[in-house]
Amino acid sequence: MNSAVRRLLWTALCPLQAVYALNNGIGLTPHMGWSSWNVAQCNAASAKYALDTANKFISLGLKDLGYQYINIDDCWKYDNCYTPCLDNPPPQTCQRPSANTKTWYAPMRDAIVSAQDKRKIHFNLCNWGRDSVWTWGADFGHSWRMSVDNWGDWASVERIGSAAAGIHQYSAPGGFNDLDMLYLGSSKLNANQERLHFGLWAIAKSPLVLGLDLNKISDSTLAIIRNKGIIDINQDRLGKAATTFTPPGSAAPVSGKIHPYWTGPLSDGVVIGLCAGTSAGKYGVNFKDVPGLGAGSYTWKEMYTGQTGTGTSVSFDIALHDMRVIKVTTVTH
């Protein structure tokens, strides 16, 4: 992935329904789709490439699961390259912007608003997390990159995933923190790391945008991106991102590392993420210690294994860098 380029406009296969950000009916849930840069760079900047990818969405069953945006990344229309910079001449990726980067986005936002009766456009901001974009991004677009790029390795998953916890409150229907493309299918990630990557992005309410060659996808990776239970959590209409919590007796989060314990509210329950981010082992929680739950017996389902249960707690043996995503629903007594 090239950190200098990220497309800001997304073309939809089919329209979302409801009305919120920019008053154009887009972005009440994190957008889902595919982006080209990791796979084909400028070779993907064609209508044929976009249509071929759309057909793969259909044949692989991805469109029916909500993957609907095809993003031609770079080599046409509009991005954050060569923006006003204190360096002269400005480099492709400016590290010292000459003004607050929010000023780059107002003209396009206003153009989208003026055209909203004719065309529904999803506006994704990419200033790589500068100027605390999560504090103002919802006034300009539907999602915003909150970090520099995901380079497809475990270090990137750690860096971006851990940072998402501290800004979870800024994601809500109409505007979401974008943790960057899902780098599944990378030779730098094993199967455990792919599950944590996808699961953590999903519960953090990041857009789920694939950055892999759909013609070469493995069965194991395809099973991850087609996990309907995790997709449904990501797309839950409440739109609240999960964040870390610290059960009694456990260590506090460590900057730059994936904390073991995550939780967030859903419209019909609570999601719990258990992450073996630094060591394999047995990870579990008593429901009374989980924000949003409390003492009592609950029903639950784990989305990767399909395990279900009822009780006052849940625990799993988790391999290094793997994850379990648990949806907790009704109090049984």
C-alpha atoms as a PDB file:
ATOM      1  CA  MET A   1       0.000   0.000   0.000  1.00  0.00           C
ATOM      2  CA  ASN A   2       1.284   3.476  -0.869  1.00  0.00           C
ATOM      3  CA  SER A   3       0.887   5.860   2.084  1.00  0.00           C
ATOM      4  CA  ALA A   4       0.734   8.816  -0.261  1.00  0.00           C
ATOM      5  CA  VAL A   5      -2.429   7.811  -1.981  1.00  0.00           C
ATOM      6  CA  ARG A   6      -5.880   6.934  -0.837  1.00  0.00           C
ATOM      7  CA  ARG A   7      -9.070   7.508  -2.693  1.00  0.00           C
ATOM      8  CA  LEU A   8     -11.657   9.736  -1.072  1.00  0.00           C
ATOM      9  CA  LEU A   9     -14.644   8.858  -3.191  1.00  0.00           C
ATOM     10  CA  TRP A  10     -16.291   5.465  -3.248  1.00  0.00           C
ATOM     11  CA  THR A  11     -18.556   4.014  -5.938  1.00  0.00           C
ATOM     12  CA  ALA A  12     -21.431   1.904  -4.628  1.00  0.00           C
ATOM     13  CA  LEU A  13     -22.782  -1.268  -6.156  1.00  0.00           C
ATOM     14  CA  CYS A  14     -26.104  -0.637  -4.469  1.00  0.00           C
ATOM     15  CA  PRO A  15     -27.458   2.164  -2.240  1.00  0.00           C
ATOM     16  CA  LEU A  16     -27.630   2.058   1.520  1.00  0.00           C
ATOM     17  CA  GLN A  17     -30.896   3.090   3.098  1.00  0.00           C
ATOM     18  CA  ALA A  18     -31.577   5.675   5.816  1.00  0.00           C
ATOM     19  CA  VAL A  19     -30.588   9.305   6.144  1.00  0.00           C
ATOM     20  CA  TYR A  20     -27.877  10.875   8.254  1.00  0.00           C
ATOM     21  CA  ALA A  21     -24.422  12.304   7.487  1.00  0.00           C
ATOM     22  CA  LEU A  22     -24.366  14.905   4.726  1.00  0.00           C
ATOM     23  CA  ASN A  23     -28.109  14.165   4.470  1.00  0.00           C
ATOM     24  CA  ASN A  24     -27.543  11.777   1.565  1.00  0.00           C
ATOM     25  CA  GLY A  25     -28.536   8.457   3.094  1.00  0.00           C
ATOM     26  CA  ILE A  26     -24.994   7.094   3.307  1.00  0.00           C
ATOM     27  CA  GLY A  27     -22.830   5.951   6.187  1.00  0.00           C
ATOM     28  CA  LEU A  28     -25.143   4.896   9.013  1.00  0.00           C
ATOM     29  CA  THR A  29     -22.993   1.796   9.334  1.00  0.00           C
ATOM     30  CA  PRO A  30     -19.317   1.344   8.405  1.00  0.00           C
ATOM     31  CA  HIS A  31     -18.940   0.858   4.664  1.00  0.00           C
ATOM     32  CA  MET A  32     -17.806  -2.508   3.317  1.00  0.00           C
ATOM     33  CA  GLY A  33     -16.001  -3.228   0.079  1.00  0.00           C
ATOM     34  CA  TRP A  34     -12.659  -3.578  -1.674  1.00  0.00           C
ATOM     35  CA  SER A  35      -9.800  -1.254  -2.606  1.00  0.00           C
ATOM     36  CA  SER A  36      -7.266  -1.768  -5.354  1.00  0.00           C
ATOM     37  CA  TRP A  37      -3.903  -0.378  -4.279  1.00  0.00           C
ATOM     38  CA  ASN A  38      -2.509  -3.415  -2.464  1.00  0.00           C
ATOM     39  CA  VAL A  39      -3.292  -5.609  -5.465  1.00  0.00           C
ATOM     40  CA  ALA A  40      -2.732  -3.698  -8.700  1.00  0.00           C
ATOM     41  CA  GLN A  41      -1.809  -0.047  -8.021  1.00  0.00           C
ATOM     42  CA  CYS A  42      -2.407   2.006 -11.187  1.00  0.00           C
ATOM     43  CA  ASN A  43      -3.242  -1.072 -13.248  1.00  0.00           C
ATOM     44  CA  ALA A  44      -6.597  -1.150 -11.456  1.00  0.00           C
ATOM     45  CA  ALA A  45      -7.653   2.331 -12.594  1.00  0.00           C
ATOM     46  CA  SER A  46     -10.153   1.150 -15.175  1.00  0.00           C
ATOM     47  CA  ALA A  47     -13.869   0.483 -15.507  1.00  0.00           C
ATOM     48  CA  LYS A  48     -13.123  -3.106 -16.544  1.00  0.00           C
ATOM     49  CA  TYR A  49     -11.159  -3.787 -13.366  1.00  0.00           C
ATOM     50  CA  ALA A  50     -13.949  -2.355 -11.215  1.00  0.00           C
ATOM     51  CA  LEU A  51     -16.640  -4.374 -12.988  1.00  0.00           C
ATOM     52  CA  ASP A  52     -14.611  -7.587 -12.816  1.00  0.00           C
ATOM     53  CA  THR A  53     -14.206  -7.037  -9.073  1.00  0.00           C
ATOM     54  CA  ALA A  54     -17.923  -6.401  -8.682  1.00  0.00           C
ATOM     55  CA  ASN A  55     -18.623  -9.713 -10.392  1.00  0.00           C
ATOM     56  CA  LYS A  56     -16.250 -11.429  -7.947  1.00  0.00           C
ATOM     57  CA  PHE A  57     -18.241  -9.908  -5.084  1.00  0.00           C
ATOM     58  CA  ILE A  58     -21.309 -11.632  -6.478  1.00  0.00           C
ATOM     59  CA  SER A  59     -19.723 -14.994  -7.289  1.00  0.00           C
ATOM     60  CA  LEU A  60     -18.001 -15.245  -3.879  1.00  0.00           C
ATOM     61  CA  GLY A  61     -21.174 -14.297  -1.999  1.00  0.00           C
ATOM     62  CA  LEU A  62     -19.663 -11.078  -0.692  1.00  0.00           C
ATOM     63  CA  LYS A  63     -22.256  -8.689  -2.101  1.00  0.00           C
ATOM     64  CA  ASP A  64     -25.038 -10.488  -0.218  1.00  0.00           C
ATOM     65  CA  LEU A  65     -23.057 -10.039   2.995  1.00  0.00           C
ATOM     66  CA  GLY A  66     -22.797  -6.259   2.536  1.00  0.00           C
ATOM     67  CA  TYR A  67     -19.564  -5.762   0.605  1.00  0.00           C
ATOM     68  CA  GLN A  68     -20.667  -3.183  -1.915  1.00  0.00           C
ATOM     69  CA  TYR A  69     -18.040  -0.507  -2.567  1.00  0.00           C
ATOM     70  CA  ILE A  70     -15.389  -0.842  -5.281  1.00  0.00           C
ATOM     71  CA  ASN A  71     -12.577   1.667  -4.765  1.00  0.00           C
ATOM     72  CA  ILE A  72     -10.151   2.478  -7.571  1.00  0.00           C
ATOM     73  CA  ASP A  73      -7.246   3.741  -5.493  1.00  0.00           C
ATOM     74  CA  ASP A  74      -4.954   6.319  -7.159  1.00  0.00           C
ATOM     75  CA  CYS A  75      -4.165   7.270 -10.739  1.00  0.00           C
ATOM     76  CA  TRP A  76      -7.413   9.369 -11.357  1.00  0.00           C
ATOM     77  CA  LYS A  77      -9.904  12.057  -9.836  1.00  0.00           C
ATOM     78  CA  TYR A  78      -9.004  13.286  -6.274  1.00  0.00           C
ATOM     79  CA  ASP A  79      -6.697  12.485  -3.229  1.00  0.00           C
ATOM     80  CA  ASN A  80      -4.460  13.918  -0.499  1.00  0.00           C
ATOM     81  CA  CYS A  81      -1.220  14.025  -2.504  1.00  0.00           C
ATOM     82  CA  TYR A  82       0.819  17.208  -3.045  1.00  0.00           C
ATOM     83  CA  THR A  83      -1.286  19.219  -0.614  1.00  0.00           C
ATOM     84  CA  PRO A  84      -0.114  22.638   0.693  1.00  0.00           C
ATOM     85  CA  CYS A  85       3.087  22.046   2.604  1.00  0.00           C
ATOM     86  CA  LEU A  86       5.830  23.944   4.438  1.00  0.00           C
ATOM     87  CA  ASP A  87       8.332  22.074   2.269  1.00  0.00           C
ATOM     88  CA  ASN A  88       8.897  23.654  -1.145  1.00  0.00           C
ATOM     89  CA  PRO A  89       8.267  22.122  -3.582  1.00  0.00           C
ATOM     90  CA  PRO A  90       5.677  20.039  -1.744  1.00  0.00           C
ATOM     91  CA  PRO A  91       6.462  16.303  -1.692  1.00  0.00           C
ATOM     92  CA  GLN A  92       3.866  13.720  -2.634  1.00  0.00           C
ATOM     93  CA  THR A  93       3.204  13.028   1.052  1.00  0.00           C
ATOM     94  CA  CYS A  94       3.645  16.160   3.136  1.00  0.00           C
ATOM     95  CA  GLN A  95       4.773  15.636   6.718  1.00  0.00           C
ATOM     96  CA  ARG A  96       4.473  19.356   7.525  1.00  0.00           C
ATOM     97  CA  PRO A  97       1.126  20.674   6.210  1.00  0.00           C
ATOM     98  CA  SER A  98       0.975  24.442   5.893  1.00  0.00           C
ATOM     99  CA  ALA A  99      -2.518  24.595   7.405  1.00  0.00           C
ATOM    100  CA  ASN A 100      -4.992  22.475   9.305  1.00  0.00           C
ATOM    101  CA  THR A 101      -5.834  19.608   6.970  1.00  0.00           C
ATOM    102  CA  LYS A 102      -9.566  19.988   7.542  1.00  0.00           C
ATOM    103  CA  THR A 103      -9.494  22.891   5.066  1.00  0.00           C
ATOM    104  CA  TRP A 104      -8.727  20.418   2.251  1.00  0.00           C
ATOM    105  CA  TYR A 105     -12.092  18.688   2.685  1.00  0.00           C
ATOM    106  CA  ALA A 106     -14.695  21.438   2.875  1.00  0.00           C
ATOM    107  CA  PRO A 107     -14.921  22.100  -0.904  1.00  0.00           C
ATOM    108  CA  MET A 108     -15.589  18.457  -1.735  1.00  0.00           C
ATOM    109  CA  ARG A 109     -18.036  18.088   1.123  1.00  0.00           C
ATOM    110  CA  ASP A 110     -19.942  21.115  -0.126  1.00  0.00           C
ATOM    111  CA  ALA A 111     -19.955  19.758  -3.674  1.00  0.00           C
ATOM    112  CA  ILE A 112     -21.320  16.422  -2.433  1.00  0.00           C
ATOM    113  CA  VAL A 113     -24.061  18.216  -0.503  1.00  0.00           C
ATOM    114  CA  SER A 114     -25.027  20.214  -3.579  1.00  0.00           C
ATOM    115  CA  ALA A 115     -25.279  17.036  -5.667  1.00  0.00           C
ATOM    116  CA  GLN A 116     -27.007  14.833  -3.110  1.00  0.00           C
ATOM    117  CA  ASP A 117     -30.379  14.911  -4.872  1.00  0.00           C
ATOM    118  CA  LYS A 118     -28.769  13.407  -7.984  1.00  0.00           C
ATOM    119  CA  ARG A 119     -26.039  11.114  -6.671  1.00  0.00           C
ATOM    120  CA  LYS A 120     -25.311   9.351  -3.392  1.00  0.00           C
ATOM    121  CA  ILE A 121     -21.593   9.636  -2.631  1.00  0.00           C
ATOM    122  CA  HIS A 122     -19.696   8.218   0.321  1.00  0.00           C
ATOM    123  CA  PHE A 123     -16.895  10.576   1.383  1.00  0.00           C
ATOM    124  CA  ASN A 124     -13.899   8.975   3.129  1.00  0.00           C
ATOM    125  CA  LEU A 125     -11.278  11.397   4.435  1.00  0.00           C
ATOM    126  CA  CYS A 126      -7.627  10.367   4.333  1.00  0.00           C
ATOM    127  CA  ASN A 127      -5.242  12.694   6.124  1.00  0.00           C
ATOM    128  CA  TRP A 128      -3.618   9.751   7.927  1.00  0.00           C
ATOM    129  CA  GLY A 129      -4.938  10.777  11.339  1.00  0.00           C
ATOM    130  CA  ARG A 130      -3.485  14.270  11.334  1.00  0.00           C
ATOM    131  CA  ASP A 131      -4.995  17.195  13.225  1.00  0.00           C
ATOM    132  CA  SER A 132      -7.001  14.746  15.383  1.00  0.00           C
ATOM    133  CA  VAL A 133      -9.355  14.153  12.470  1.00  0.00           C
ATOM    134  CA  TRP A 134     -11.653  12.011  14.640  1.00  0.00           C
ATOM    135  CA  THR A 135     -12.694  15.170  16.505  1.00  0.00           C
ATOM    136  CA  TRP A 136     -13.989  16.931  13.358  1.00  0.00           C
ATOM    137  CA  GLY A 137     -14.271  14.326  10.616  1.00  0.00           C
ATOM    138  CA  ALA A 138     -18.006  13.817  11.061  1.00  0.00           C
ATOM    139  CA  ASP A 139     -18.588  17.418   9.950  1.00  0.00           C
ATOM    140  CA  PHE A 140     -16.900  16.695   6.618  1.00  0.00           C
ATOM    141  CA  GLY A 141     -17.425  13.066   5.665  1.00  0.00           C
ATOM    142  CA  HIS A 142     -18.689   9.612   6.557  1.00  0.00           C
ATOM    143  CA  SER A 143     -15.412   8.067   7.694  1.00  0.00           C
ATOM    144  CA  TRP A 144     -11.829   9.133   8.237  1.00  0.00           C
ATOM    145  CA  ARG A 145      -8.471   7.408   8.359  1.00  0.00           C
ATOM    146  CA  MET A 146      -7.192   7.630  11.916  1.00  0.00           C
ATOM    147  CA  SER A 147      -3.593   6.513  11.341  1.00  0.00           C
ATOM    148  CA  VAL A 148      -0.842   6.089   8.817  1.00  0.00           C
ATOM    149  CA  ASP A 149      -1.138   3.073   6.550  1.00  0.00           C
ATOM    150  CA  ASN A 150      -1.576  -0.579   7.357  1.00  0.00           C
ATOM    151  CA  TRP A 151       1.540  -2.197   5.855  1.00  0.00           C
ATOM    152  CA  GLY A 152       0.152  -5.712   6.013  1.00  0.00           C
ATOM    153  CA  ASP A 153       2.222  -6.958   8.948  1.00  0.00           C
ATOM    154  CA  TRP A 154       1.553  -7.738  12.593  1.00  0.00           C
ATOM    155  CA  ALA A 155       3.241  -4.505  13.703  1.00  0.00           C
ATOM    156  CA  SER A 156       0.637  -2.535  11.740  1.00  0.00           C
ATOM    157  CA  VAL A 157      -2.233  -4.491  13.294  1.00  0.00           C
ATOM    158  CA  GLU A 158      -0.790  -3.766  16.748  1.00  0.00           C
ATOM    159  CA  ARG A 159      -0.153  -0.094  16.056  1.00  0.00           C
ATOM    160  CA  ILE A 160      -3.527   0.693  14.517  1.00  0.00           C
ATOM    161  CA  GLY A 161      -5.689  -1.651  16.567  1.00  0.00           C
ATOM    162  CA  SER A 162      -4.339  -0.459  19.905  1.00  0.00           C
ATOM    163  CA  ALA A 163      -4.780   3.199  18.936  1.00  0.00           C
ATOM    164  CA  ALA A 164      -8.444   2.669  18.077  1.00  0.00           C
ATOM    165  CA  ALA A 165      -9.363   2.055  21.708  1.00  0.00           C
ATOM    166  CA  GLY A 166      -8.599   5.619  22.767  1.00  0.00           C
ATOM    167  CA  ILE A 167     -10.829   7.265  20.158  1.00  0.00           C
ATOM    168  CA  HIS A 168     -13.763   4.824  20.165  1.00  0.00           C
ATOM    169  CA  GLN A 169     -16.221   7.493  21.280  1.00  0.00           C
ATOM    170  CA  TYR A 170     -15.927   9.355  17.973  1.00  0.00           C
ATOM    171  CA  SER A 171     -17.468   6.536  15.921  1.00  0.00           C
ATOM    172  CA  ALA A 172     -21.236   6.696  15.573  1.00  0.00           C
ATOM    173  CA  PRO A 173     -23.888   6.304  12.866  1.00  0.00           C
ATOM    174  CA  GLY A 174     -22.961   8.712  10.089  1.00  0.00           C
ATOM    175  CA  GLY A 175     -19.220   8.862  10.860  1.00  0.00           C
ATOM    176  CA  PHE A 176     -16.654   6.193  11.727  1.00  0.00           C
ATOM    177  CA  ASN A 177     -12.978   5.859  12.522  1.00  0.00           C
ATOM    178  CA  ASP A 178     -11.363   4.101   9.543  1.00  0.00           C
ATOM    179  CA  LEU A 179      -8.547   1.756  10.633  1.00  0.00           C
ATOM    180  CA  ASP A 180      -7.432   1.344   6.973  1.00  0.00           C
ATOM    181  CA  MET A 181      -7.833  -1.558   4.583  1.00  0.00           C
ATOM    182  CA  LEU A 182      -7.980  -5.136   5.791  1.00  0.00           C
ATOM    183  CA  TYR A 183      -4.671  -6.646   4.758  1.00  0.00           C
ATOM    184  CA  LEU A 184      -5.948 -10.209   4.794  1.00  0.00           C
ATOM    185  CA  GLY A 185      -4.219 -12.530   2.370  1.00  0.00           C
ATOM    186  CA  SER A 186      -0.850 -10.957   3.183  1.00  0.00           C
ATOM    187  CA  SER A 187       2.091 -13.347   3.401  1.00  0.00           C
ATOM    188  CA  LYS A 188       3.115 -11.368   6.485  1.00  0.00           C
ATOM    189  CA  LEU A 189       0.083 -12.502   8.531  1.00  0.00           C
ATOM    190  CA  ASN A 190      -0.736 -16.027   9.660  1.00  0.00           C
ATOM    191  CA  ALA A 191      -4.261 -17.379  10.126  1.00  0.00           C
ATOM    192  CA  ASN A 192      -4.415 -16.400  13.804  1.00  0.00           C
ATOM    193  CA  GLN A 193      -3.350 -12.848  13.009  1.00  0.00           C
ATOM    194  CA  GLU A 194      -5.899 -12.616  10.208  1.00  0.00           C
ATOM    195  CA  ARG A 195      -8.712 -13.553  12.613  1.00  0.00           C
ATOM    196  CA  LEU A 196      -7.618 -10.931  15.134  1.00  0.00           C
ATOM    197  CA  HIS A 197      -7.154  -8.334  12.390  1.00  0.00           C
ATOM    198  CA  PHE A 198     -10.663  -8.861  11.002  1.00  0.00           C
ATOM    199  CA  GLY A 199     -12.362  -9.298  14.371  1.00  0.00           C
ATOM    200  CA  LEU A 200     -10.802  -6.246  15.991  1.00  0.00           C
ATOM    201  CA  TRP A 201     -11.499  -4.000  12.978  1.00  0.00           C
ATOM    202  CA  ALA A 202     -15.100  -5.230  13.039  1.00  0.00           C
ATOM    203  CA  ILE A 203     -15.847  -4.603  16.718  1.00  0.00           C
ATOM    204  CA  ALA A 204     -14.061  -1.228  16.544  1.00  0.00           C
ATOM    205  CA  LYS A 205     -16.625  -0.320  13.865  1.00  0.00           C
ATOM    206  CA  SER A 206     -14.020   0.323  11.210  1.00  0.00           C
ATOM    207  CA  PRO A 207     -15.071   0.143   7.579  1.00  0.00           C
ATOM    208  CA  LEU A 208     -14.397  -3.397   6.331  1.00  0.00           C
ATOM    209  CA  VAL A 209     -12.538  -2.766   3.086  1.00  0.00           C
ATOM    210  CA  LEU A 210     -10.627  -5.694   1.582  1.00  0.00           C
ATOM    211  CA  GLY A 211      -7.206  -5.072   0.109  1.00  0.00           C
ATOM    212  CA  LEU A 212      -6.458  -8.452  -1.455  1.00  0.00           C
ATOM    213  CA  ASP A 213      -6.612 -10.217  -4.816  1.00  0.00           C
ATOM    214  CA  LEU A 214     -10.049 -11.819  -4.914  1.00  0.00           C
ATOM    215  CA  ASN A 215      -8.860 -14.155  -7.668  1.00  0.00           C
ATOM    216  CA  LYS A 216      -6.281 -15.702  -5.341  1.00  0.00           C
ATOM    217  CA  ILE A 217      -8.108 -15.726  -2.013  1.00  0.00           C
ATOM    218  CA  SER A 218      -7.588 -18.834   0.140  1.00  0.00           C
ATOM    219  CA  ASP A 219     -10.468 -20.783   1.632  1.00  0.00           C
ATOM    220  CA  SER A 220      -9.351 -19.877   5.157  1.00  0.00           C
ATOM    221  CA  THR A 221      -9.255 -16.154   4.407  1.00  0.00           C
ATOM    222  CA  LEU A 222     -12.570 -16.345   2.556  1.00  0.00           C
ATOM    223  CA  ALA A 223     -14.149 -17.968   5.612  1.00  0.00           C
ATOM    224  CA  ILE A 224     -12.966 -15.049   7.759  1.00  0.00           C
ATOM    225  CA  ILE A 225     -14.308 -12.285   5.529  1.00  0.00           C
ATOM    226  CA  ARG A 226     -17.615 -14.149   5.078  1.00  0.00           C
ATOM    227  CA  ASN A 227     -18.204 -14.573   8.822  1.00  0.00           C
ATOM    228  CA  LYS A 228     -21.752 -13.262   8.992  1.00  0.00           C
ATOM    229  CA  GLY A 229     -21.866 -13.097  12.787  1.00  0.00           C
ATOM    230  CA  ILE A 230     -18.876 -10.761  12.925  1.00  0.00           C
ATOM    231  CA  ILE A 231     -20.146  -8.721   9.976  1.00  0.00           C
ATOM    232  CA  ASP A 232     -23.489  -8.290  11.733  1.00  0.00           C
ATOM    233  CA  ILE A 233     -21.677  -6.969  14.818  1.00  0.00           C
ATOM    234  CA  ASN A 234     -19.777  -4.477  12.665  1.00  0.00           C
ATOM    235  CA  GLN A 235     -22.980  -3.419  10.938  1.00  0.00           C
ATOM    236  CA  ASP A 236     -25.105  -3.203  14.101  1.00  0.00           C
ATOM    237  CA  ARG A 237     -27.387  -0.191  13.783  1.00  0.00           C
ATOM    238  CA  LEU A 238     -26.356   1.208  17.192  1.00  0.00           C
ATOM    239  CA  GLY A 239     -22.971   2.032  15.645  1.00  0.00           C
ATOM    240  CA  LYS A 240     -20.978   2.103  18.901  1.00  0.00           C
ATOM    241  CA  ALA A 241     -17.328   1.037  18.736  1.00  0.00           C
ATOM    242  CA  ALA A 242     -15.795  -1.384  21.222  1.00  0.00           C
ATOM    243  CA  THR A 243     -12.931  -0.301  23.434  1.00  0.00           C
ATOM    244  CA  THR A 244     -10.699  -1.841  26.077  1.00  0.00           C
ATOM    245  CA  PHE A 245     -11.634  -2.586  29.664  1.00  0.00           C
ATOM    246  CA  THR A 246      -9.662  -4.029  32.569  1.00  0.00           C
ATOM    247  CA  PRO A 247     -11.228  -6.843  34.623  1.00  0.00           C
ATOM    248  CA  PRO A 248     -10.158  -7.127  38.272  1.00  0.00           C
ATOM    249  CA  GLY A 249      -6.696  -8.598  38.619  1.00  0.00           C
ATOM    250  CA  SER A 250      -5.655  -8.011  35.017  1.00  0.00           C
ATOM    251  CA  ALA A 251      -3.027  -5.591  33.756  1.00  0.00           C
ATOM    252  CA  ALA A 252      -3.889  -2.205  32.291  1.00  0.00           C
ATOM    253  CA  PRO A 253      -3.576  -1.599  28.526  1.00  0.00           C
ATOM    254  CA  VAL A 254      -0.050  -1.071  27.190  1.00  0.00           C
ATOM    255  CA  SER A 255       0.463   1.558  24.511  1.00  0.00           C
ATOM    256  CA  GLY A 256       1.101   0.015  21.114  1.00  0.00           C
ATOM    257  CA  LYS A 257       0.047  -3.499  22.155  1.00  0.00           C
ATOM    258  CA  ILE A 258      -3.260  -5.309  21.652  1.00  0.00           C
ATOM    259  CA  HIS A 259      -5.043  -5.413  25.012  1.00  0.00           C
ATOM    260  CA  PRO A 260      -6.730  -8.742  25.818  1.00  0.00           C
ATOM    261  CA  TYR A 261     -10.132  -7.348  26.832  1.00  0.00           C
ATOM    262  CA  TRP A 262     -12.518  -5.353  24.623  1.00  0.00           C
ATOM    263  CA  THR A 263     -16.225  -4.664  24.802  1.00  0.00           C
ATOM    264  CA  GLY A 264     -18.912  -2.510  23.243  1.00  0.00           C
ATOM    265  CA  PRO A 265     -22.700  -2.164  23.222  1.00  0.00           C
ATOM    266  CA  LEU A 266     -24.936  -3.616  20.510  1.00  0.00           C
ATOM    267  CA  SER A 267     -28.570  -2.890  19.769  1.00  0.00           C
ATOM    268  CA  ASP A 268     -29.464  -6.354  21.110  1.00  0.00           C
ATOM    269  CA  GLY A 269     -26.648  -7.133  23.516  1.00  0.00           C
ATOM    270  CA  VAL A 270     -22.935  -6.652  24.118  1.00  0.00           C
ATOM    271  CA  VAL A 271     -19.862  -7.778  22.189  1.00  0.00           C
ATOM    272  CA  ILE A 272     -16.760  -8.997  24.002  1.00  0.00           C
ATOM    273  CA  GLY A 273     -13.410  -9.386  22.272  1.00  0.00           C
ATOM    274  CA  LEU A 274     -10.745 -11.598  23.830  1.00  0.00           C
ATOM    275  CA  CYS A 275      -7.344 -11.113  22.197  1.00  0.00           C
ATOM    276  CA  ALA A 276      -4.156 -13.089  22.701  1.00  0.00           C
ATOM    277  CA  GLY A 277      -2.185 -10.107  21.486  1.00  0.00           C
ATOM    278  CA  THR A 278       1.029 -10.740  23.422  1.00  0.00           C
ATOM    279  CA  SER A 279       0.858 -14.354  24.631  1.00  0.00           C
ATOM    280  CA  ALA A 280      -1.156 -17.517  24.165  1.00  0.00           C
ATOM    281  CA  GLY A 281      -3.226 -18.699  27.109  1.00  0.00           C
ATOM    282  CA  LYS A 282      -6.631 -18.952  28.723  1.00  0.00           C
ATOM    283  CA  TYR A 283      -8.604 -15.736  28.492  1.00  0.00           C
ATOM    284  CA  GLY A 284     -11.968 -15.180  30.095  1.00  0.00           C
ATOM    285  CA  VAL A 285     -14.230 -12.766  31.931  1.00  0.00           C
ATOM    286  CA  ASN A 286     -16.992 -12.798  34.473  1.00  0.00           C
ATOM    287  CA  PHE A 287     -19.956 -11.020  32.936  1.00  0.00           C
ATOM    288  CA  LYS A 288     -20.409  -8.948  36.097  1.00  0.00           C
ATOM    289  CA  ASP A 289     -17.070  -7.266  35.294  1.00  0.00           C
ATOM    290  CA  VAL A 290     -18.005  -6.343  31.721  1.00  0.00           C
ATOM    291  CA  PRO A 291     -19.254  -2.767  31.138  1.00  0.00           C
ATOM    292  CA  GLY A 292     -22.859  -2.886  30.016  1.00  0.00           C
ATOM    293  CA  LEU A 293     -23.639  -6.265  31.567  1.00  0.00           C
ATOM    294  CA  GLY A 294     -23.586  -6.961  35.302  1.00  0.00           C
ATOM    295  CA  ALA A 295     -24.296  -9.870  37.607  1.00  0.00           C
ATOM    296  CA  GLY A 296     -26.474 -12.595  36.189  1.00  0.00           C
ATOM    297  CA  SER A 297     -26.569 -15.486  33.769  1.00  0.00           C
ATOM    298  CA  TYR A 298     -26.406 -14.711  30.055  1.00  0.00           C
ATOM    299  CA  THR A 299     -26.554 -16.554  26.768  1.00  0.00           C
ATOM    300  CA  TRP A 300     -23.603 -16.101  24.417  1.00  0.00           C
ATOM    301  CA  LYS A 301     -22.159 -17.163  21.073  1.00  0.00           C
ATOM    302  CA  GLU A 302     -18.548 -17.063  19.895  1.00  0.00           C
ATOM    303  CA  MET A 303     -18.393 -16.116  16.235  1.00  0.00           C
ATOM    304  CA  TYR A 304     -15.234 -17.885  15.019  1.00  0.00           C
ATOM    305  CA  THR A 305     -15.799 -21.287  16.608  1.00  0.00           C
ATOM    306  CA  GLY A 306     -19.596 -21.217  16.679  1.00  0.00           C
ATOM    307  CA  GLN A 307     -19.555 -22.213  20.342  1.00  0.00           C
ATOM    308  CA  THR A 308     -22.599 -21.241  22.403  1.00  0.00           C
ATOM    309  CA  GLY A 309     -23.341 -21.284  26.092  1.00  0.00           C
ATOM    310  CA  THR A 310     -25.193 -19.924  29.079  1.00  0.00           C
ATOM    311  CA  GLY A 311     -23.733 -18.795  32.366  1.00  0.00           C
ATOM    312  CA  THR A 312     -22.116 -16.055  34.394  1.00  0.00           C
ATOM    313  CA  SER A 313     -18.744 -16.128  32.618  1.00  0.00           C
ATOM    314  CA  VAL A 314     -16.953 -17.200  29.456  1.00  0.00           C
ATOM    315  CA  SER A 315     -13.387 -18.329  28.744  1.00  0.00           C
ATOM    316  CA  PHE A 316     -11.310 -19.783  25.906  1.00  0.00           C
ATOM    317  CA  ASP A 317      -7.856 -21.179  25.313  1.00  0.00           C
ATOM    318  CA  ILE A 318      -6.512 -18.815  22.633  1.00  0.00           C
ATOM    319  CA  ALA A 319      -3.378 -19.254  20.550  1.00  0.00           C
ATOM    320  CA  LEU A 320      -0.882 -16.423  20.135  1.00  0.00           C
ATOM    321  CA  HIS A 321      -2.284 -13.479  18.124  1.00  0.00           C
ATOM    322  CA  ASP A 322      -5.699 -15.124  17.774  1.00  0.00           C
ATOM    323  CA  MET A 323      -9.026 -13.713  18.927  1.00  0.00           C
ATOM    324  CA  ARG A 324     -12.486 -14.757  20.079  1.00  0.00           C
ATOM    325  CA  VAL A 325     -15.513 -12.553  19.368  1.00  0.00           C
ATOM    326  CA  ILE A 326     -18.421 -13.204  21.728  1.00  0.00           C
ATOM    327  CA  LYS A 327     -21.912 -11.814  21.407  1.00  0.00           C
ATOM    328  CA  VAL A 328     -23.731 -11.773  24.749  1.00  0.00           C
ATOM    329  CA  THR A 329     -27.487 -11.404  24.649  1.00  0.00           C
ATOM    330  CA  THR A 330     -30.248 -12.189  27.125  1.00  0.00           C
ATOM    331  CA  VAL A 331     -30.185 -12.471  30.881  1.00  0.00           C
ATOM    332  CA  THR A 332     -31.599 -15.930  31.618  1.00  0.00           C
ATOM    333  CA  HIS A 333     -32.166 -15.423  35.349  1.00  0.00           C
END
